[in-house]
PDB file of N, CA and C in Angstrom:
ATOM      1  N   UNK A   1     -17.544 -22.040  -3.432  1.00  0.00           N
ATOM      2  CA  UNK A   1     -16.290 -21.864  -2.733  1.00  0.00           C
ATOM      3  C   UNK A   1     -15.127 -22.491  -3.495  1.00  0.00           C
ATOM      4  N   UNK A   2     -15.408 -23.516  -4.281  1.00  0.00           N
ATOM      5  CA  UNK A   2     -14.328 -24.170  -5.013  1.00  0.00           C
ATOM      6  C   UNK A   2     -13.661 -23.190  -5.970  1.00  0.00           C
ATOM      7  N   UNK A   3     -14.470 -22.353  -6.637  1.00  0.00           N
ATOM      8  CA  UNK A   3     -13.904 -21.365  -7.546  1.00  0.00           C
ATOM      9  C   UNK A   3     -13.065 -20.344  -6.802  1.00  0.00           C
ATOM     10  N   UNK A   4     -13.453 -20.034  -5.585  1.00  0.00           N
ATOM     11  CA  UNK A   4     -12.706 -19.066  -4.787  1.00  0.00           C
ATOM     12  C   UNK A   4     -11.292 -19.558  -4.538  1.00  0.00           C
ATOM     13  N   UNK A   5     -11.149 -20.839  -4.179  1.00  0.00           N
ATOM     14  CA  UNK A   5      -9.822 -21.376  -3.891  1.00  0.00           C
ATOM     15  C   UNK A   5      -8.947 -21.385  -5.140  1.00  0.00           C
ATOM     16  N   UNK A   6      -9.524 -21.722  -6.279  1.00  0.00           N
ATOM     17  CA  UNK A   6      -8.713 -21.745  -7.490  1.00  0.00           C
ATOM     18  C   UNK A   6      -8.424 -20.333  -7.976  1.00  0.00           C
ATOM     19  N   UNK A   7      -9.346 -19.415  -7.736  1.00  0.00           N
ATOM     20  CA  UNK A   7      -9.160 -18.047  -8.202  1.00  0.00           C
ATOM     21  C   UNK A   7      -8.061 -17.337  -7.413  1.00  0.00           C
ATOM     22  N   UNK A   8      -8.085 -17.462  -6.096  1.00  0.00           N
ATOM     23  CA  UNK A   8      -7.139 -16.732  -5.261  1.00  0.00           C
ATOM     24  C   UNK A   8      -5.960 -17.579  -4.804  1.00  0.00           C
ATOM     25  N   UNK A   9      -5.921 -18.807  -5.216  1.00  0.00           N
ATOM     26  CA  UNK A   9      -4.792 -19.705  -4.951  1.00  0.00           C
ATOM     27  C   UNK A   9      -4.458 -19.800  -3.466  1.00  0.00           C
ATOM     28  N   UNK A  10      -5.446 -20.202  -2.684  1.00  0.00           N
ATOM     29  CA  UNK A  10      -5.212 -20.418  -1.258  1.00  0.00           C
ATOM     30  C   UNK A  10      -4.661 -21.825  -1.077  1.00  0.00           C
ATOM     31  N   UNK A  11      -3.408 -21.998  -1.407  1.00  0.00           N
ATOM     32  CA  UNK A  11      -2.819 -23.323  -1.353  1.00  0.00           C
ATOM     33  C   UNK A  11      -1.782 -23.457  -0.248  1.00  0.00           C
ATOM     34  N   UNK A  12      -1.342 -22.354   0.313  1.00  0.00           N
ATOM     35  CA  UNK A  12      -0.361 -22.461   1.382  1.00  0.00           C
ATOM     36  C   UNK A  12      -1.054 -22.274   2.718  1.00  0.00           C
ATOM     37  N   UNK A  13      -0.479 -22.858   3.731  1.00  0.00           N
ATOM     38  CA  UNK A  13      -1.066 -22.752   5.069  1.00  0.00           C
ATOM     39  C   UNK A  13      -1.060 -21.303   5.529  1.00  0.00           C
ATOM     40  N   UNK A  14      -0.007 -20.576   5.196  1.00  0.00           N
ATOM     41  CA  UNK A  14       0.096 -19.176   5.601  1.00  0.00           C
ATOM     42  C   UNK A  14      -1.041 -18.350   5.004  1.00  0.00           C
ATOM     43  N   UNK A  15      -1.352 -18.552   3.724  1.00  0.00           N
ATOM     44  CA  UNK A  15      -2.432 -17.790   3.096  1.00  0.00           C
ATOM     45  C   UNK A  15      -3.790 -18.188   3.659  1.00  0.00           C
ATOM     46  N   UNK A  16      -3.954 -19.458   3.982  1.00  0.00           N
ATOM     47  CA  UNK A  16      -5.214 -19.908   4.577  1.00  0.00           C
ATOM     48  C   UNK A  16      -5.380 -19.305   5.966  1.00  0.00           C
ATOM     49  N   UNK A  17      -4.311 -19.316   6.769  1.00  0.00           N
ATOM     50  CA  UNK A  17      -4.398 -18.744   8.112  1.00  0.00           C
ATOM     51  C   UNK A  17      -4.641 -17.241   8.060  1.00  0.00           C
ATOM     52  N   UNK A  18      -4.053 -16.561   7.085  1.00  0.00           N
ATOM     53  CA  UNK A  18      -4.288 -15.125   6.930  1.00  0.00           C
ATOM     54  C   UNK A  18      -5.763 -14.869   6.622  1.00  0.00           C
ATOM     55  N   UNK A  19      -6.343 -15.693   5.765  1.00  0.00           N
ATOM     56  CA  UNK A  19      -7.758 -15.552   5.423  1.00  0.00           C
ATOM     57  C   UNK A  19      -8.643 -15.835   6.635  1.00  0.00           C
ATOM     58  N   UNK A  20      -8.263 -16.807   7.468  1.00  0.00           N
ATOM     59  CA  UNK A  20      -9.023 -17.104   8.687  1.00  0.00           C
ATOM     60  C   UNK A  20      -9.000 -15.901   9.621  1.00  0.00           C
ATOM     61  N   UNK A  21      -7.847 -15.254   9.753  1.00  0.00           N
ATOM     62  CA  UNK A  21      -7.741 -14.063  10.608  1.00  0.00           C
ATOM     63  C   UNK A  21      -8.614 -12.940  10.068  1.00  0.00           C
ATOM     64  N   UNK A  22      -8.625 -12.758   8.749  1.00  0.00           N
ATOM     65  CA  UNK A  22      -9.480 -11.738   8.142  1.00  0.00           C
ATOM     66  C   UNK A  22     -10.953 -12.025   8.435  1.00  0.00           C
ATOM     67  N   UNK A  23     -11.354 -13.292   8.347  1.00  0.00           N
ATOM     68  CA  UNK A  23     -12.734 -13.661   8.661  1.00  0.00           C
ATOM     69  C   UNK A  23     -13.068 -13.357  10.112  1.00  0.00           C
ATOM     70  N   UNK A  24     -12.143 -13.634  11.017  1.00  0.00           N
ATOM     71  CA  UNK A  24     -12.386 -13.338  12.432  1.00  0.00           C
ATOM     72  C   UNK A  24     -12.561 -11.837  12.648  1.00  0.00           C
ATOM     73  N   UNK A  25     -11.778 -11.028  11.961  1.00  0.00           N
ATOM     74  CA  UNK A  25     -11.924  -9.576  12.073  1.00  0.00           C
ATOM     75  C   UNK A  25     -13.292  -9.133  11.572  1.00  0.00           C
ATOM     76  N   UNK A  26     -13.729  -9.707  10.430  1.00  0.00           N
ATOM     77  CA  UNK A  26     -15.049  -9.363   9.900  1.00  0.00           C
ATOM     78  C   UNK A  26     -16.158  -9.784  10.857  1.00  0.00           C
ATOM     79  N   UNK A  27     -16.028 -10.972  11.449  1.00  0.00           N
ATOM     80  CA  UNK A  27     -17.036 -11.427  12.409  1.00  0.00           C
ATOM     81  C   UNK A  27     -17.087 -10.514  13.624  1.00  0.00           C
ATOM     82  N   UNK A  28     -15.939 -10.120  14.134  1.00  0.00           N
ATOM     83  CA  UNK A  28     -15.914  -9.220  15.289  1.00  0.00           C
ATOM     84  C   UNK A  28     -16.555  -7.879  14.959  1.00  0.00           C
ATOM     85  N   UNK A  29     -16.297  -7.372  13.762  1.00  0.00           N
ATOM     86  CA  UNK A  29     -16.891  -6.103  13.346  1.00  0.00           C
ATOM     87  C   UNK A  29     -18.413  -6.225  13.248  1.00  0.00           C
ATOM     88  N   UNK A  30     -18.891  -7.316  12.669  1.00  0.00           N
ATOM     89  CA  UNK A  30     -20.335  -7.516  12.539  1.00  0.00           C
ATOM     90  C   UNK A  30     -20.983  -7.654  13.910  1.00  0.00           C
ATOM     91  N   UNK A  31     -20.356  -8.407  14.807  1.00  0.00           N
ATOM     92  CA  UNK A  31     -20.912  -8.556  16.154  1.00  0.00           C
ATOM     93  C   UNK A  31     -20.954  -7.217  16.881  1.00  0.00           C
ATOM     94  N   UNK A  32     -19.940  -6.401  16.686  1.00  0.00           N
ATOM     95  CA  UNK A  32     -19.921  -5.074  17.309  1.00  0.00           C
ATOM     96  C   UNK A  32     -21.060  -4.222  16.767  1.00  0.00           C
ATOM     97  N   UNK A  33     -21.242  -4.247  15.458  1.00  0.00           N
ATOM     98  CA  UNK A  33     -22.326  -3.470  14.850  1.00  0.00           C
ATOM     99  C   UNK A  33     -23.676  -3.964  15.350  1.00  0.00           C
ATOM    100  N   UNK A  34     -23.847  -5.267  15.480  1.00  0.00           N
ATOM    101  CA  UNK A  34     -25.114  -5.810  15.977  1.00  0.00           C
ATOM    102  C   UNK A  34     -25.394  -5.341  17.402  1.00  0.00           C
ATOM    103  N   UNK A  35     -24.361  -5.286  18.233  1.00  0.00           N
ATOM    104  CA  UNK A  35     -24.559  -4.853  19.620  1.00  0.00           C
ATOM    105  C   UNK A  35     -24.821  -3.354  19.723  1.00  0.00           C
ATOM    106  N   UNK A  36     -24.120  -2.563  18.928  1.00  0.00           N
ATOM    107  CA  UNK A  36     -24.201  -1.109  19.053  1.00  0.00           C
ATOM    108  C   UNK A  36     -25.372  -0.509  18.283  1.00  0.00           C
ATOM    109  N   UNK A  37     -25.583  -0.932  17.076  1.00  0.00           N
ATOM    110  CA  UNK A  37     -26.579  -0.307  16.203  1.00  0.00           C
ATOM    111  C   UNK A  37     -27.637  -1.324  15.794  1.00  0.00           C
ATOM    112  N   UNK A  38     -28.372  -1.816  16.747  1.00  0.00           N
ATOM    113  CA  UNK A  38     -29.339  -2.878  16.459  1.00  0.00           C
ATOM    114  C   UNK A  38     -30.599  -2.292  15.840  1.00  0.00           C
ATOM    115  N   UNK A  39     -30.865  -2.657  14.587  1.00  0.00           N
ATOM    116  CA  UNK A  39     -32.139  -2.361  13.936  1.00  0.00           C
ATOM    117  C   UNK A  39     -32.563  -3.624  13.198  1.00  0.00           C
ATOM    118  N   UNK A  40     -33.827  -3.829  13.070  1.00  0.00           N
ATOM    119  CA  UNK A  40     -34.355  -5.108  12.589  1.00  0.00           C
ATOM    120  C   UNK A  40     -33.875  -5.508  11.191  1.00  0.00           C
ATOM    121  N   UNK A  41     -33.989  -4.686  10.151  1.00  0.00           N
ATOM    122  CA  UNK A  41     -33.544  -5.137   8.817  1.00  0.00           C
ATOM    123  C   UNK A  41     -32.031  -5.364   8.746  1.00  0.00           C
ATOM    124  N   UNK A  42     -31.279  -4.457   9.344  1.00  0.00           N
ATOM    125  CA  UNK A  42     -29.826  -4.606   9.317  1.00  0.00           C
ATOM    126  C   UNK A  42     -29.385  -5.839  10.081  1.00  0.00           C
ATOM    127  N   UNK A  43     -30.054  -6.116  11.174  1.00  0.00           N
ATOM    128  CA  UNK A  43     -29.683  -7.272  11.989  1.00  0.00           C
ATOM    129  C   UNK A  43     -29.855  -8.562  11.199  1.00  0.00           C
ATOM    130  N   UNK A  44     -30.935  -8.657  10.447  1.00  0.00           N
ATOM    131  CA  UNK A  44     -31.162  -9.863   9.650  1.00  0.00           C
ATOM    132  C   UNK A  44     -30.058 -10.036   8.606  1.00  0.00           C
ATOM    133  N   UNK A  45     -29.726  -8.959   7.929  1.00  0.00           N
ATOM    134  CA  UNK A  45     -28.677  -9.017   6.897  1.00  0.00           C
ATOM    135  C   UNK A  45     -27.336  -9.368   7.523  1.00  0.00           C
ATOM    136  N   UNK A  46     -27.013  -8.742   8.641  1.00  0.00           N
ATOM    137  CA  UNK A  46     -25.731  -8.992   9.291  1.00  0.00           C
ATOM    138  C   UNK A  46     -25.644 -10.414   9.835  1.00  0.00           C
ATOM    139  N   UNK A  47     -26.748 -10.912  10.389  1.00  0.00           N
ATOM    140  CA  UNK A  47     -26.736 -12.288  10.888  1.00  0.00           C
ATOM    141  C   UNK A  47     -26.558 -13.279   9.742  1.00  0.00           C
ATOM    142  N   UNK A  48     -27.187 -12.989   8.616  1.00  0.00           N
ATOM    143  CA  UNK A  48     -27.008 -13.845   7.438  1.00  0.00           C
ATOM    144  C   UNK A  48     -25.552 -13.802   6.971  1.00  0.00           C
ATOM    145  N   UNK A  49     -24.966 -12.615   6.982  1.00  0.00           N
ATOM    146  CA  UNK A  49     -23.561 -12.488   6.587  1.00  0.00           C
ATOM    147  C   UNK A  49     -22.655 -13.234   7.564  1.00  0.00           C
ATOM    148  N   UNK A  50     -22.988 -13.184   8.856  1.00  0.00           N
ATOM    149  CA  UNK A  50     -22.210 -13.915   9.858  1.00  0.00           C
ATOM    150  C   UNK A  50     -22.257 -15.415   9.592  1.00  0.00           C
ATOM    151  N   UNK A  51     -23.428 -15.912   9.238  1.00  0.00           N
ATOM    152  CA  UNK A  51     -23.570 -17.339   8.942  1.00  0.00           C
ATOM    153  C   UNK A  51     -22.706 -17.715   7.741  1.00  0.00           C
ATOM    154  N   UNK A  52     -22.717 -16.874   6.706  1.00  0.00           N
ATOM    155  CA  UNK A  52     -21.900 -17.149   5.519  1.00  0.00           C
ATOM    156  C   UNK A  52     -20.414 -17.120   5.852  1.00  0.00           C
ATOM    157  N   UNK A  53     -19.996 -16.162   6.666  1.00  0.00           N
ATOM    158  CA  UNK A  53     -18.583 -16.075   7.044  1.00  0.00           C
ATOM    159  C   UNK A  53     -18.187 -17.291   7.866  1.00  0.00           C
ATOM    160  N   UNK A  54     -19.062 -17.720   8.767  1.00  0.00           N
ATOM    161  CA  UNK A  54     -18.748 -18.898   9.586  1.00  0.00           C
ATOM    162  C   UNK A  54     -18.644 -20.160   8.726  1.00  0.00           C
ATOM    163  N   UNK A  55     -19.513 -20.280   7.715  1.00  0.00           N
ATOM    164  CA  UNK A  55     -19.418 -21.424   6.799  1.00  0.00           C
ATOM    165  C   UNK A  55     -18.088 -21.399   6.059  1.00  0.00           C
ATOM    166  N   UNK A  56     -17.736 -20.226   5.549  1.00  0.00           N
ATOM    167  CA  UNK A  56     -16.477 -20.081   4.818  1.00  0.00           C
ATOM    168  C   UNK A  56     -15.288 -20.351   5.740  1.00  0.00           C
ATOM    169  N   UNK A  57     -15.374 -19.874   6.976  1.00  0.00           N
ATOM    170  CA  UNK A  57     -14.314 -20.104   7.959  1.00  0.00           C
ATOM    171  C   UNK A  57     -14.154 -21.596   8.243  1.00  0.00           C
ATOM    172  N   UNK A  58     -15.263 -22.306   8.304  1.00  0.00           N
ATOM    173  CA  UNK A  58     -15.209 -23.751   8.528  1.00  0.00           C
ATOM    174  C   UNK A  58     -14.522 -24.454   7.354  1.00  0.00           C
ATOM    175  N   UNK A  59     -14.834 -24.028   6.142  1.00  0.00           N
ATOM    176  CA  UNK A  59     -14.191 -24.599   4.958  1.00  0.00           C
ATOM    177  C   UNK A  59     -12.692 -24.322   4.980  1.00  0.00           C
ATOM    178  N   UNK A  60     -12.316 -23.089   5.354  1.00  0.00           N
ATOM    179  CA  UNK A  60     -10.893 -22.750   5.431  1.00  0.00           C
ATOM    180  C   UNK A  60     -10.180 -23.586   6.485  1.00  0.00           C
ATOM    181  N   UNK A  61     -10.827 -23.789   7.629  1.00  0.00           N
ATOM    182  CA  UNK A  61     -10.209 -24.607   8.674  1.00  0.00           C
ATOM    183  C   UNK A  61     -10.029 -26.048   8.215  1.00  0.00           C
ATOM    184  N   UNK A  62     -11.010 -26.572   7.480  1.00  0.00           N
ATOM    185  CA  UNK A  62     -10.876 -27.931   6.956  1.00  0.00           C
ATOM    186  C   UNK A  62      -9.738 -28.021   5.944  1.00  0.00           C
ATOM    187  N   UNK A  63      -9.636 -27.015   5.085  1.00  0.00           N
ATOM    188  CA  UNK A  63      -8.561 -27.004   4.091  1.00  0.00           C
ATOM    189  C   UNK A  63      -7.206 -26.887   4.787  1.00  0.00           C
ATOM    190  N   UNK A  64      -7.129 -26.051   5.819  1.00  0.00           N
ATOM    191  CA  UNK A  64      -5.888 -25.895   6.583  1.00  0.00           C
ATOM    192  C   UNK A  64      -5.505 -27.209   7.249  1.00  0.00           C
ATOM    193  N   UNK A  65      -6.483 -27.871   7.852  1.00  0.00           N
ATOM    194  CA  UNK A  65      -6.205 -29.142   8.523  1.00  0.00           C
ATOM    195  C   UNK A  65      -5.758 -30.201   7.523  1.00  0.00           C
ATOM    196  N   UNK A  66      -6.362 -30.178   6.332  1.00  0.00           N
ATOM    197  CA  UNK A  66      -5.957 -31.125   5.290  1.00  0.00           C
ATOM    198  C   UNK A  66      -4.502 -30.898   4.901  1.00  0.00           C
ATOM    199  N   UNK A  67      -4.109 -29.628   4.753  1.00  0.00           N
ATOM    200  CA  UNK A  67      -2.714 -29.318   4.420  1.00  0.00           C
ATOM    201  C   UNK A  67      -1.780 -29.788   5.529  1.00  0.00           C
ATOM    202  N   UNK A  68      -2.177 -29.560   6.785  1.00  0.00           N
ATOM    203  CA  UNK A  68      -1.339 -29.993   7.906  1.00  0.00           C
ATOM    204  C   UNK A  68      -1.240 -31.510   7.957  1.00  0.00           C
ATOM    205  N   UNK A  69      -2.336 -32.197   7.668  1.00  0.00           N
ATOM    206  CA  UNK A  69      -2.309 -33.659   7.665  1.00  0.00           C
ATOM    207  C   UNK A  69      -1.409 -34.189   6.552  1.00  0.00           C
ATOM    208  N   UNK A  70      -1.444 -33.535   5.398  1.00  0.00           N
ATOM    209  CA  UNK A  70      -0.567 -33.959   4.301  1.00  0.00           C
ATOM    210  C   UNK A  70       0.888 -33.733   4.660  1.00  0.00           C
ATOM    211  N   UNK A  71       1.160 -32.670   5.380  1.00  0.00           N
ATOM    212  CA  UNK A  71       2.531 -32.383   5.789  1.00  0.00           C
ATOM    213  C   UNK A  71       3.032 -33.454   6.756  1.00  0.00           C
ATOM    214  N   UNK A  72       2.134 -33.998   7.544  1.00  0.00           N
ATOM    215  CA  UNK A  72       2.510 -35.027   8.510  1.00  0.00           C
ATOM    216  C   UNK A  72       2.246 -36.432   7.984  1.00  0.00           C
ATOM    217  N   UNK A  73       2.116 -36.587   6.689  1.00  0.00           N
ATOM    218  CA  UNK A  73       1.830 -37.889   6.092  1.00  0.00           C
ATOM    219  C   UNK A  73       3.040 -38.798   6.087  1.00  0.00           C
ATOM    220  N   UNK A  74       2.827 -40.027   5.621  1.00  0.00           N
ATOM    221  CA  UNK A  74       3.896 -41.031   5.656  1.00  0.00           C
ATOM    222  C   UNK A  74       5.046 -40.668   4.727  1.00  0.00           C
ATOM    223  N   UNK A  75       4.745 -40.041   3.580  1.00  0.00           N
ATOM    224  CA  UNK A  75       5.814 -39.721   2.624  1.00  0.00           C
ATOM    225  C   UNK A  75       6.790 -38.702   3.202  1.00  0.00           C
ATOM    226  N   UNK A  76       6.260 -37.644   3.785  1.00  0.00           N
ATOM    227  CA  UNK A  76       7.155 -36.630   4.349  1.00  0.00           C
ATOM    228  C   UNK A  76       7.922 -37.168   5.547  1.00  0.00           C
ATOM    229  N   UNK A  77       7.272 -37.996   6.358  1.00  0.00           N
ATOM    230  CA  UNK A  77       7.993 -38.593   7.497  1.00  0.00           C
ATOM    231  C   UNK A  77       9.100 -39.511   7.009  1.00  0.00           C
ATOM    232  N   UNK A  78       8.852 -40.261   5.937  1.00  0.00           N
ATOM    233  CA  UNK A  78       9.878 -41.151   5.382  1.00  0.00           C
ATOM    234  C   UNK A  78      11.059 -40.343   4.849  1.00  0.00           C
ATOM    235  N   UNK A  79      10.745 -39.285   4.131  1.00  0.00           N
ATOM    236  CA  UNK A  79      11.818 -38.461   3.558  1.00  0.00           C
ATOM    237  C   UNK A  79      12.689 -37.869   4.656  1.00  0.00           C
ATOM    238  N   UNK A  80      12.062 -37.266   5.675  1.00  0.00           N
ATOM    239  CA  UNK A  80      12.842 -36.580   6.710  1.00  0.00           C
ATOM    240  C   UNK A  80      13.425 -37.531   7.745  1.00  0.00           C
ATOM    241  N   UNK A  81      12.862 -38.702   7.900  1.00  0.00           N
ATOM    242  CA  UNK A  81      13.383 -39.640   8.899  1.00  0.00           C
ATOM    243  C   UNK A  81      14.412 -40.600   8.328  1.00  0.00           C
ATOM    244  N   UNK A  82      14.307 -40.937   7.043  1.00  0.00           N
ATOM    245  CA  UNK A  82      15.191 -41.947   6.466  1.00  0.00           C
ATOM    246  C   UNK A  82      16.122 -41.350   5.407  1.00  0.00           C
ATOM    247  N   UNK A  83      15.546 -40.750   4.393  1.00  0.00           N
ATOM    248  CA  UNK A  83      16.367 -40.285   3.271  1.00  0.00           C
ATOM    249  C   UNK A  83      17.276 -39.109   3.629  1.00  0.00           C
ATOM    250  N   UNK A  84      16.751 -38.127   4.322  1.00  0.00           N
ATOM    251  CA  UNK A  84      17.565 -36.953   4.656  1.00  0.00           C
ATOM    252  C   UNK A  84      18.787 -37.319   5.497  1.00  0.00           C
ATOM    253  N   UNK A  85      18.669 -38.120   6.557  1.00  0.00           N
ATOM    254  CA  UNK A  85      19.878 -38.482   7.306  1.00  0.00           C
ATOM    255  C   UNK A  85      20.892 -39.268   6.480  1.00  0.00           C
ATOM    256  N   UNK A  86      20.418 -40.132   5.589  1.00  0.00           N
ATOM    257  CA  UNK A  86      21.339 -40.898   4.742  1.00  0.00           C
ATOM    258  C   UNK A  86      22.100 -39.956   3.807  1.00  0.00           C
ATOM    259  N   UNK A  87      21.382 -39.039   3.188  1.00  0.00           N
ATOM    260  CA  UNK A  87      22.018 -38.088   2.268  1.00  0.00           C
ATOM    261  C   UNK A  87      23.025 -37.211   3.012  1.00  0.00           C
ATOM    262  N   UNK A  88      22.648 -36.721   4.186  1.00  0.00           N
ATOM    263  CA  UNK A  88      23.562 -35.887   4.975  1.00  0.00           C
ATOM    264  C   UNK A  88      24.796 -36.684   5.376  1.00  0.00           C
ATOM    265  N   UNK A  89      24.617 -37.918   5.798  1.00  0.00           N
ATOM    266  CA  UNK A  89      25.766 -38.746   6.203  1.00  0.00           C
ATOM    267  C   UNK A  89      26.713 -38.986   5.032  1.00  0.00           C
ATOM    268  N   UNK A  90      26.169 -39.269   3.859  1.00  0.00           N
ATOM    269  CA  UNK A  90      27.008 -39.500   2.680  1.00  0.00           C
ATOM    270  C   UNK A  90      27.759 -38.223   2.301  1.00  0.00           C
ATOM    271  N   UNK A  91      27.063 -37.095   2.297  1.00  0.00           N
ATOM    272  CA  UNK A  91      27.713 -35.835   1.938  1.00  0.00           C
ATOM    273  C   UNK A  91      28.805 -35.454   2.940  1.00  0.00           C
ATOM    274  N   UNK A  92      28.546 -35.639   4.217  1.00  0.00           N
ATOM    275  CA  UNK A  92      29.551 -35.321   5.237  1.00  0.00           C
ATOM    276  C   UNK A  92      30.763 -36.228   5.086  1.00  0.00           C
ATOM    277  N   UNK A  93      30.538 -37.509   4.862  1.00  0.00           N
ATOM    278  CA  UNK A  93      31.679 -38.423   4.707  1.00  0.00           C
ATOM    279  C   UNK A  93      32.487 -38.091   3.454  1.00  0.00           C
ATOM    280  N   UNK A  94      31.824 -37.727   2.360  1.00  0.00           N
ATOM    281  CA  UNK A  94      32.544 -37.316   1.150  1.00  0.00           C
ATOM    282  C   UNK A  94      33.344 -36.038   1.392  1.00  0.00           C
ATOM    283  N   UNK A  95      32.745 -35.087   2.072  1.00  0.00           N
ATOM    284  CA  UNK A  95      33.430 -33.832   2.366  1.00  0.00           C
ATOM    285  C   UNK A  95      34.650 -34.064   3.252  1.00  0.00           C
ATOM    286  N   UNK A  96      34.502 -34.868   4.267  1.00  0.00           N
ATOM    287  CA  UNK A  96      35.634 -35.182   5.152  1.00  0.00           C
ATOM    288  C   UNK A  96      36.718 -35.922   4.375  1.00  0.00           C
ATOM    289  N   UNK A  97      36.326 -36.845   3.517  1.00  0.00           N
ATOM    290  CA  UNK A  97      37.283 -37.593   2.700  1.00  0.00           C
ATOM    291  C   UNK A  97      38.062 -36.652   1.782  1.00  0.00           C
ATOM    292  N   UNK A  98      37.374 -35.702   1.168  1.00  0.00           N
ATOM    293  CA  UNK A  98      38.034 -34.734   0.281  1.00  0.00           C
ATOM    294  C   UNK A  98      38.984 -33.846   1.079  1.00  0.00           C
ATOM    295  N   UNK A  99      38.554 -33.395   2.249  1.00  0.00           N
ATOM    296  CA  UNK A  99      39.399 -32.525   3.072  1.00  0.00           C
ATOM    297  C   UNK A  99      40.633 -33.255   3.597  1.00  0.00           C
ATOM    298  N   UNK A 100      40.498 -34.512   3.926  1.00  0.00           N
ATOM    299  CA  UNK A 100      41.632 -35.281   4.454  1.00  0.00           C
ATOM    300  C   UNK A 100      42.666 -35.526   3.358  1.00  0.00           C
ATOM    301  N   UNK A 101      42.220 -35.790   2.139  1.00  0.00           N
ATOM    302  CA  UNK A 101      43.152 -36.061   1.036  1.00  0.00           C
ATOM    303  C   UNK A 101      43.957 -34.819   0.663  1.00  0.00           C
ATOM    304  N   UNK A 102      43.406 -33.652   0.849  1.00  0.00           N
ATOM    305  CA  UNK A 102      44.118 -32.414   0.494  1.00  0.00           C
ATOM    306  C   UNK A 102      45.021 -32.061   1.611  1.00  0.00           C
TER     307      UNK A 102
END
């Protein structure tokens, strides 16, 4: 699976969530086929494929959660809670100062 992530560059949350939705569609299709067209050899293959998809889905969910946790980490909170307001305040005061002088 590691090669899969580097090959297809699943680095954004949006791409990971899209892949999770695709997996859910595949699982639903396999479950439908198992219910409608149940035969012994096909059922074994489809159940094995379902297990593989569920494993991959679990890996994708973990990767997605890791990305979300990084987004909510201390560095991003510091930037948006402390640095961004300071920068905005300085820029607004400079802009007002320039407008008043003209």
